[in-house]
């Protein structure tokens, strides 16, 4: 009696991405996978025809049960947080390098599941690979994971797919995220020192008022003399700290809640954004950062083939300042009506004349993305200089403030002692 070989139906993709199907008579699933790969195909799924069970092709011996779940369930296995810019830059660079080496997209995404990318779990790459294997475009697959990939990211990938230049787009996008990450790191490092000094100073003052000052009050009560005004002010403040600390805590919490409500409201948030831009030194840093973000984001989108209206809409969503967002929305409406980009930017009275002139020159020469990237470089450099000036100024200012506070505390303590010595003589 003839021994029949098991039959395995398979789905595989050619290097061009075309999906092919077939049936093989081989001893087992491993032999089927080997024969498919020898044919120059990338195995997608292999099915035991007799059992009718389809198994995702894998090179390792382990079985990943998550791969058999629907994409939505796979995404929910791990609660994804929004990745940092540095993490997005690393992920994008890795994907661009794999594609640049000649790997098909599905193979590259499969390799991404084994690469360590902090902040972006392997389930993300696995889900992208599954959806691309099913025939979806990479941009469409990414759009289904909005927790990880923003509109900016998805639209740039879509533009790269449509223009056939996905690798260059990914490289430019990685550079874009890296530049923003560097700006954020510069800003944070400049603020670490003053924040630490303020926190330590507030902690020492609170400790003195609640622990040390009550002991001095007991000593002063034994003098039986009229205490000077600074000492009486300090004692009243100390009593307030020790006796009504709970009331001060409630007041502080109420102020925080009121501030959050004011900030979340449209009018309040707009007013706060306006105040930030008008602050003496910090306001310049804020404005340079906003102008650099606007120019870098819009320039990168236009450079990668995203239509100008869509690019303006995405840029509006990226920026947090409400005044700038309103100006971008008005610019988008004006461009829809047929105006140039420079005209509504100038009418907003928010953007500096240098930016408007460079955008106008870019429109005249047909290189708006290049002009915007030059603007971004200019304002990012100016922001770094402004940060350096601000950090250089904050140090002496904090020293002066701390000297005044410490001087007042010492004066309040020693004045009664001097008064007592004078009364003895």
Protein backbone atom coordinates (compact mmCIF):
# COMPACT_ATOMS: atom_id res chain seq x y z
CA UNK A 1 0.00 0.00 0.00
CA UNK A 2 1.40 3.41 -0.96
CA UNK A 3 2.52 5.76 1.83
CA UNK A 4 1.15 9.22 1.27
CA UNK A 5 3.26 12.24 2.19
CA UNK A 6 1.57 14.87 4.39
CA UNK A 7 0.39 17.90 2.44
CA UNK A 8 1.07 21.44 3.61
CA UNK A 9 -0.57 24.48 2.05
CA UNK A 10 1.41 27.67 2.35
CA UNK A 11 1.33 31.38 1.78
CA UNK A 12 4.57 33.21 0.98
CA UNK A 13 5.79 36.46 -0.48
CA UNK A 14 8.26 37.10 -3.25
CA UNK A 15 11.01 39.70 -2.79
CA UNK A 16 8.81 42.10 -4.72
CA UNK A 17 6.14 41.68 -2.06
CA UNK A 18 3.71 39.64 -4.22
CA UNK A 19 1.73 37.06 -2.25
CA UNK A 20 1.79 33.48 -3.62
CA UNK A 21 0.08 30.29 -2.43
CA UNK A 22 0.73 26.61 -3.02
CA UNK A 23 0.72 23.05 -1.67
CA UNK A 24 3.76 20.90 -0.85
CA UNK A 25 4.10 17.18 -0.15
CA UNK A 26 6.87 16.93 2.44
CA UNK A 27 7.46 14.87 5.58
CA UNK A 28 6.87 17.67 8.08
CA UNK A 29 6.41 21.41 8.56
CA UNK A 30 10.16 22.06 8.92
CA UNK A 31 10.79 20.52 5.53
CA UNK A 32 8.03 22.69 4.06
CA UNK A 33 9.61 25.83 5.47
CA UNK A 34 13.03 24.81 4.13
CA UNK A 35 11.67 24.14 0.64
CA UNK A 36 9.81 27.47 0.57
CA UNK A 37 12.95 29.35 1.57
CA UNK A 38 15.05 27.51 -1.00
CA UNK A 39 12.60 28.75 -3.64
CA UNK A 40 13.55 32.32 -2.76
CA UNK A 41 10.25 33.03 -1.01
CA UNK A 42 9.53 34.42 2.43
CA UNK A 43 7.12 32.05 4.25
CA UNK A 44 4.12 33.80 5.74
CA UNK A 45 1.97 30.88 6.94
CA UNK A 46 2.12 27.11 6.65
CA UNK A 47 -0.93 24.88 7.10
CA UNK A 48 -1.24 21.17 7.63
CA UNK A 49 -3.87 20.54 4.95
CA UNK A 50 -5.23 17.54 6.80
CA UNK A 51 -5.59 19.33 10.13
CA UNK A 52 -6.40 22.70 8.62
CA UNK A 53 -4.38 24.50 11.27
CA UNK A 54 -2.45 27.49 10.02
CA UNK A 55 0.73 28.34 11.86
CA UNK A 56 2.77 31.46 11.38
CA UNK A 57 6.18 30.54 10.01
CA UNK A 58 8.99 30.84 12.48
CA UNK A 59 12.68 30.10 12.35
CA UNK A 60 12.99 29.42 16.09
CA UNK A 61 11.61 26.35 17.83
CA UNK A 62 9.45 28.23 20.30
CA UNK A 63 5.82 29.05 19.64
CA UNK A 64 4.64 32.61 20.26
CA UNK A 65 0.96 32.37 21.15
CA UNK A 66 0.53 36.13 20.81
CA UNK A 67 1.17 35.85 17.07
CA UNK A 68 -2.08 33.91 16.67
CA UNK A 69 -4.20 36.61 18.32
CA UNK A 70 -5.93 39.43 16.43
CA UNK A 71 -3.89 42.59 16.04
CA UNK A 72 -6.07 44.55 18.45
CA UNK A 73 -5.60 41.88 21.14
CA UNK A 74 -1.86 41.77 20.55
CA UNK A 75 -1.67 45.51 21.02
CA UNK A 76 -3.54 45.29 24.30
CA UNK A 77 -1.21 42.65 25.78
CA UNK A 78 1.15 45.39 26.89
CA UNK A 79 0.00 48.83 27.86
CA UNK A 80 1.95 51.07 25.51
CA UNK A 81 3.13 54.44 26.65
CA UNK A 82 3.99 57.23 24.26
CA UNK A 83 7.66 56.76 23.36
CA UNK A 84 10.23 59.47 23.84
CA UNK A 85 11.74 61.24 20.85
CA UNK A 86 15.08 59.50 21.37
CA UNK A 87 13.35 56.12 21.38
CA UNK A 88 11.48 56.95 18.16
CA UNK A 89 14.75 58.08 16.56
CA UNK A 90 16.41 54.77 17.48
CA UNK A 91 13.48 52.68 16.21
CA UNK A 92 13.33 54.62 12.93
CA UNK A 93 17.08 54.39 12.37
CA UNK A 94 17.07 50.63 12.92
CA UNK A 95 14.20 50.12 10.46
CA UNK A 96 15.88 52.36 7.85
CA UNK A 97 19.18 50.46 8.19
CA UNK A 98 17.47 47.09 7.74
CA UNK A 99 15.56 48.25 4.65
CA UNK A 100 18.69 49.89 3.24
CA UNK A 101 20.53 46.57 3.48
CA UNK A 102 18.10 45.09 0.94
CA UNK A 103 15.70 43.32 3.28
CA UNK A 104 12.05 43.15 2.23
CA UNK A 105 9.76 45.09 4.52
CA UNK A 106 8.23 42.02 6.18
CA UNK A 107 11.68 40.53 6.87
CA UNK A 108 12.89 43.85 8.28
CA UNK A 109 9.86 44.12 10.57
CA UNK A 110 10.43 40.53 11.68
CA UNK A 111 14.03 41.43 12.56
CA UNK A 112 12.80 44.48 14.46
CA UNK A 113 10.97 42.16 16.86
CA UNK A 114 14.38 40.88 18.00
CA UNK A 115 16.07 44.27 18.30
CA UNK A 116 16.02 46.01 21.65
CA UNK A 117 14.28 49.37 21.26
CA UNK A 118 13.58 50.96 24.62
CA UNK A 119 10.08 52.38 24.88
CA UNK A 120 8.70 50.48 21.86
CA UNK A 121 7.84 46.86 22.74
CA UNK A 122 8.43 44.00 20.32
CA UNK A 123 4.66 43.53 20.04
CA UNK A 124 4.53 46.74 18.00
CA UNK A 125 6.89 45.43 15.31
CA UNK A 126 5.19 42.05 15.41
CA UNK A 127 1.80 43.67 14.84
CA UNK A 128 3.16 45.81 11.99
CA UNK A 129 4.67 42.72 10.34
CA UNK A 130 1.38 40.83 10.61
CA UNK A 131 -0.64 43.64 9.03
CA UNK A 132 1.88 44.24 6.23
CA UNK A 133 1.87 40.50 5.56
CA UNK A 134 -1.93 40.67 5.22
CA UNK A 135 -1.51 43.28 2.50
CA UNK A 136 -1.79 46.60 4.33
CA UNK A 137 0.59 49.47 3.72
CA UNK A 138 3.08 50.22 6.49
CA UNK A 139 1.59 53.69 7.04
CA UNK A 140 -1.91 52.20 7.44
CA UNK A 141 -0.59 49.66 9.93
CA UNK A 142 1.14 52.41 11.89
CA UNK A 143 -1.99 54.55 11.91
CA UNK A 144 -3.74 51.79 13.87
CA UNK A 145 -1.20 52.28 16.70
CA UNK A 146 -1.66 55.96 17.45
CA UNK A 147 -0.17 55.51 20.94
CA UNK A 148 3.23 54.95 19.31
CA UNK A 149 3.12 56.64 15.91
CA UNK A 150 1.83 60.19 15.63
CA UNK A 151 0.08 61.72 12.61
CA UNK A 152 3.39 63.30 11.67
CA UNK A 153 5.10 59.90 11.61
CA UNK A 154 2.30 58.16 9.70
CA UNK A 155 1.98 60.85 7.04
CA UNK A 156 5.72 60.99 6.43
CA UNK A 157 5.84 57.20 6.01
CA UNK A 158 2.85 57.39 3.64
CA UNK A 159 4.62 60.06 1.60
CA UNK A 160 7.72 57.85 1.43
CA UNK A 161 5.66 54.89 0.26
CA UNK A 162 3.92 56.92 -2.44
CA UNK A 163 7.18 58.41 -3.72
CA UNK A 164 9.11 55.13 -3.54
CA UNK A 165 11.71 56.63 -1.18
CA UNK A 166 10.81 55.08 2.17
CA UNK A 167 14.41 54.64 3.34
CA UNK A 168 15.46 58.29 2.78
CA UNK A 169 12.24 59.43 4.45
CA UNK A 170 12.90 57.22 7.48
CA UNK A 171 16.45 58.55 7.72
CA UNK A 172 15.30 62.17 7.57
CA UNK A 173 12.61 61.41 10.13
CA UNK A 174 15.16 59.83 12.48
CA UNK A 175 17.30 62.95 12.14
CA UNK A 176 14.21 65.07 12.83
CA UNK A 177 13.41 63.23 16.07
CA UNK A 178 17.07 63.23 17.13
CA UNK A 179 17.30 67.00 16.69
CA UNK A 180 14.18 67.54 18.77
CA UNK A 181 15.51 65.15 21.42
CA UNK A 182 18.78 67.12 21.57
CA UNK A 183 16.87 70.37 22.02
CA UNK A 184 14.80 68.86 24.85
CA UNK A 185 17.94 67.50 26.52
CA UNK A 186 19.62 70.91 26.31
CA UNK A 187 16.59 72.59 27.89
CA UNK A 188 16.30 70.01 30.68
CA UNK A 189 19.99 70.12 31.54
CA UNK A 190 19.85 73.91 31.78
CA UNK A 191 16.95 73.70 34.26
CA UNK A 192 18.34 70.98 36.54
CA UNK A 193 20.64 73.26 38.57
CA UNK A 194 18.13 76.03 39.38
CA UNK A 195 15.38 73.53 40.21
CA UNK A 196 17.68 71.66 42.59
CA UNK A 197 18.79 74.88 44.29
CA UNK A 198 15.19 76.06 44.73
CA UNK A 199 14.05 72.70 46.14
CA UNK A 200 16.97 72.48 48.58
CA UNK A 201 16.48 76.11 49.66
CA UNK A 202 12.75 75.65 50.26
CA UNK A 203 13.43 72.46 52.22
CA UNK A 204 16.00 74.14 54.47
CA UNK A 205 13.73 77.12 55.15
CA UNK A 206 10.80 74.80 55.99
CA UNK A 207 13.05 72.77 58.32
CA UNK A 208 14.26 75.92 60.07
CA UNK A 209 10.76 77.32 60.50
CA UNK A 210 9.19 74.11 61.84
CA UNK A 211 12.05 72.56 63.86
CA UNK A 212 14.66 75.16 64.80
CA UNK A 213 12.58 78.30 65.22
CA UNK A 214 10.29 76.93 67.98
CA UNK A 215 13.40 76.33 70.11
CA UNK A 216 14.53 79.92 69.62
CA UNK A 217 11.04 81.14 70.52
CA UNK A 218 11.34 79.44 73.93
CA UNK A 219 14.63 81.26 74.49
CA UNK A 220 13.20 84.62 73.39
CA UNK A 221 10.24 84.24 75.75
CA UNK A 222 12.67 84.15 78.67
CA UNK A 223 14.17 87.51 77.78
CA UNK A 224 11.03 89.47 78.79
CA UNK A 225 11.88 92.23 76.32
CA UNK A 226 10.10 93.80 73.37
CA UNK A 227 11.27 91.78 70.35
CA UNK A 228 12.23 93.68 67.19
CA UNK A 229 9.91 93.66 64.17
CA UNK A 230 11.90 91.15 62.02
CA UNK A 231 11.91 88.67 64.91
CA UNK A 232 8.16 89.07 65.49
CA UNK A 233 7.54 88.52 61.77
CA UNK A 234 9.66 85.38 61.83
CA UNK A 235 7.88 84.05 64.95
CA UNK A 236 4.45 84.68 63.37
CA UNK A 237 5.55 82.86 60.22
CA UNK A 238 6.89 79.96 62.28
CA UNK A 239 3.63 79.72 64.24
CA UNK A 240 1.76 79.65 60.96
CA UNK A 241 3.97 76.81 59.70
CA UNK A 242 3.68 74.70 62.87
CA UNK A 243 0.08 75.34 63.93
CA UNK A 244 -1.68 75.68 60.59
CA UNK A 245 0.42 73.50 58.28
CA UNK A 246 -2.71 71.55 57.29
CA UNK A 247 -4.47 74.78 56.31
CA UNK A 248 -1.48 75.83 54.20
CA UNK A 249 -1.54 72.40 52.57
CA UNK A 250 -5.21 72.78 51.72
CA UNK A 251 -4.64 76.27 50.36
CA UNK A 252 -1.74 74.98 48.23
CA UNK A 253 -3.87 72.12 46.88
CA UNK A 254 -6.72 74.52 46.11
CA UNK A 255 -4.32 76.81 44.25
CA UNK A 256 -2.99 73.88 42.24
CA UNK A 257 -6.52 72.77 41.31
CA UNK A 258 -7.52 76.30 40.33
CA UNK A 259 -4.36 76.68 38.27
CA UNK A 260 -5.01 73.38 36.46
CA UNK A 261 -8.56 74.44 35.65
CA UNK A 262 -7.40 77.82 34.46
CA UNK A 263 -4.71 76.16 32.35
CA UNK A 264 -7.10 73.64 30.80
CA UNK A 265 -9.64 76.27 29.77
CA UNK A 266 -9.27 77.81 26.32
CA UNK A 267 -9.01 81.41 27.53
CA UNK A 268 -6.81 80.57 30.52
CA UNK A 269 -4.44 78.36 28.57
CA UNK A 270 -4.13 80.99 25.86
CA UNK A 271 -3.32 83.66 28.46
CA UNK A 272 -0.66 81.45 30.07
CA UNK A 273 0.94 80.75 26.68
CA UNK A 274 0.97 84.49 26.03
CA UNK A 275 2.59 85.20 29.42
CA UNK A 276 5.25 82.58 28.78
CA UNK A 277 6.29 84.28 25.56
CA UNK A 278 6.46 87.69 27.28
CA UNK A 279 8.67 86.73 30.24
CA UNK A 280 11.97 88.68 30.30
CA UNK A 281 14.56 85.91 29.72
CA UNK A 282 12.60 82.66 29.75
CA UNK A 283 10.17 84.07 27.18
CA UNK A 284 12.93 84.33 24.58
CA UNK A 285 13.83 80.69 25.11
CA UNK A 286 10.16 79.71 24.70
CA UNK A 287 9.79 81.69 21.49
CA UNK A 288 13.02 80.38 19.94
CA UNK A 289 11.92 76.83 20.77
CA UNK A 290 8.45 77.35 19.24
CA UNK A 291 9.78 78.96 16.07
CA UNK A 292 12.36 76.17 15.68
CA UNK A 293 9.72 73.46 16.21
CA UNK A 294 7.36 75.06 13.72
CA UNK A 295 10.00 75.44 11.01
CA UNK A 296 11.59 72.01 11.58
CA UNK A 297 8.30 70.11 11.57
CA UNK A 298 6.76 71.90 8.59
CA UNK A 299 10.02 71.78 6.63
CA UNK A 300 10.49 68.06 7.24
CA UNK A 301 6.91 67.27 6.18
CA UNK A 302 7.13 69.33 2.99
CA UNK A 303 10.55 67.90 2.19
CA UNK A 304 9.10 64.40 2.29
CA UNK A 305 6.24 65.18 -0.07
CA UNK A 306 3.38 65.78 2.36
CA UNK A 307 0.89 68.30 0.84
CA UNK A 308 1.14 71.77 2.34
CA UNK A 309 -2.38 71.79 3.85
CA UNK A 310 -1.87 68.43 5.51
CA UNK A 311 1.61 69.51 6.65
CA UNK A 312 0.19 72.65 8.28
CA UNK A 313 -2.53 70.63 10.00
CA UNK A 314 0.00 68.15 11.43
CA UNK A 315 2.33 70.96 12.52
CA UNK A 316 -0.59 72.62 14.30
CA UNK A 317 -1.23 69.40 16.23
CA UNK A 318 2.45 68.99 17.17
CA UNK A 319 2.88 72.41 18.77
CA UNK A 320 1.43 73.05 22.23
CA UNK A 321 1.32 76.87 22.31
CA UNK A 322 -2.24 78.00 21.60
CA UNK A 323 -1.26 81.31 20.01
CA UNK A 324 1.02 79.59 17.52
CA UNK A 325 -1.60 76.95 16.81
CA UNK A 326 -4.21 79.65 16.07
CA UNK A 327 -1.75 81.37 13.74
CA UNK A 328 -1.07 78.09 11.91
CA UNK A 329 -4.82 77.41 11.59
CA UNK A 330 -5.34 80.88 10.09
CA UNK A 331 -2.40 80.27 7.76
CA UNK A 332 -3.96 77.00 6.59
CA UNK A 333 -7.25 78.75 5.83
CA UNK A 334 -5.42 81.49 3.93
CA UNK A 335 -3.42 78.98 1.89
CA UNK A 336 -6.69 77.19 1.09
CA UNK A 337 -7.99 80.49 -0.30
CA UNK A 338 -4.98 80.74 -2.59
CA UNK A 339 -2.61 82.96 -0.59
CA UNK A 340 1.09 82.27 -0.19
CA UNK A 341 2.52 80.87 3.03
CA UNK A 342 4.41 84.04 3.95
CA UNK A 343 1.39 86.38 3.82
CA UNK A 344 -0.68 84.94 6.71
CA UNK A 345 2.49 84.32 8.76
CA UNK A 346 3.28 88.03 8.54
CA UNK A 347 -0.31 89.02 9.36
CA UNK A 348 -0.30 86.96 12.58
CA UNK A 349 2.23 89.36 14.17
CA UNK A 350 3.68 86.39 16.05
CA UNK A 351 6.44 85.23 13.77
CA UNK A 352 9.58 87.38 13.43
CA UNK A 353 10.23 89.25 10.24
CA UNK A 354 13.33 87.16 9.53
CA UNK A 355 11.25 83.98 9.38
CA UNK A 356 8.64 85.60 7.14
CA UNK A 357 11.31 86.93 4.75
CA UNK A 358 13.06 83.55 4.52
CA UNK A 359 9.76 81.76 3.82
CA UNK A 360 8.97 84.34 1.13
CA UNK A 361 12.39 83.79 -0.46
CA UNK A 362 11.82 80.03 -0.35
CA UNK A 363 8.50 80.45 -2.15
CA UNK A 364 10.11 82.61 -4.80
CA UNK A 365 12.97 80.13 -5.37
CA UNK A 366 10.76 77.05 -5.08
CA UNK A 367 12.59 75.69 -2.04
CA UNK A 368 10.31 76.29 0.95
CA UNK A 369 11.51 73.14 2.80
CA UNK A 370 15.12 74.28 2.52
CA UNK A 371 14.25 77.74 3.83
CA UNK A 372 12.29 76.27 6.74
CA UNK A 373 15.15 73.97 7.68
CA UNK A 374 17.55 76.94 7.63
CA UNK A 375 15.11 78.82 9.87
CA UNK A 376 14.99 75.85 12.25
CA UNK A 377 18.79 75.71 12.44
CA UNK A 378 18.91 79.45 13.14
CA UNK A 379 16.37 79.47 15.95
CA UNK A 380 17.62 76.25 17.53
CA UNK A 381 21.09 77.80 17.75
CA UNK A 382 19.61 81.01 19.16
CA UNK A 383 17.65 78.98 21.71
CA UNK A 384 20.83 77.26 22.89
CA UNK A 385 22.50 80.66 23.32
CA UNK A 386 19.47 82.00 25.17
CA UNK A 387 19.47 78.93 27.43
CA UNK A 388 23.13 79.47 28.21
CA UNK A 389 22.48 83.12 29.05
CA UNK A 390 19.49 82.18 31.20
CA UNK A 391 21.40 79.53 33.12
CA UNK A 392 24.30 81.96 33.64
CA UNK A 393 21.87 84.54 35.02
CA UNK A 394 19.87 82.15 37.20
CA UNK A 395 22.91 81.16 39.28
CA UNK A 396 23.74 84.66 40.60
CA UNK A 397 20.04 85.50 41.04
CA UNK A 398 19.47 82.41 43.15
CA UNK A 399 22.56 83.16 45.22
CA UNK A 400 21.29 86.70 45.88
CA UNK A 401 17.81 85.44 46.82
CA UNK A 402 19.22 82.79 49.15
CA UNK A 403 21.57 85.36 50.71
CA UNK A 404 18.61 87.68 51.41
CA UNK A 405 16.58 84.86 52.98
CA UNK A 406 19.47 83.60 55.12
CA UNK A 407 20.38 87.15 56.07
CA UNK A 408 16.82 87.85 57.22
CA UNK A 409 16.78 84.66 59.31
CA UNK A 410 20.10 85.48 60.97
CA UNK A 411 19.09 89.09 61.56
CA UNK A 412 15.81 88.02 63.17
CA UNK A 413 17.66 85.68 65.53
CA UNK A 414 20.58 87.90 66.50
CA UNK A 415 18.70 91.19 66.91
CA UNK A 416 17.09 90.12 70.23
CA UNK A 417 20.49 88.97 71.47
CA UNK A 418 22.05 92.32 70.63
CA UNK A 419 19.11 94.10 72.28
CA UNK A 420 19.53 91.98 75.43
CA UNK A 421 23.27 92.71 75.61
CA UNK A 422 22.59 96.44 75.19
CA UNK A 423 20.03 96.40 78.01
CA UNK A 424 22.51 94.71 80.38
CA UNK A 425 25.03 97.49 79.88
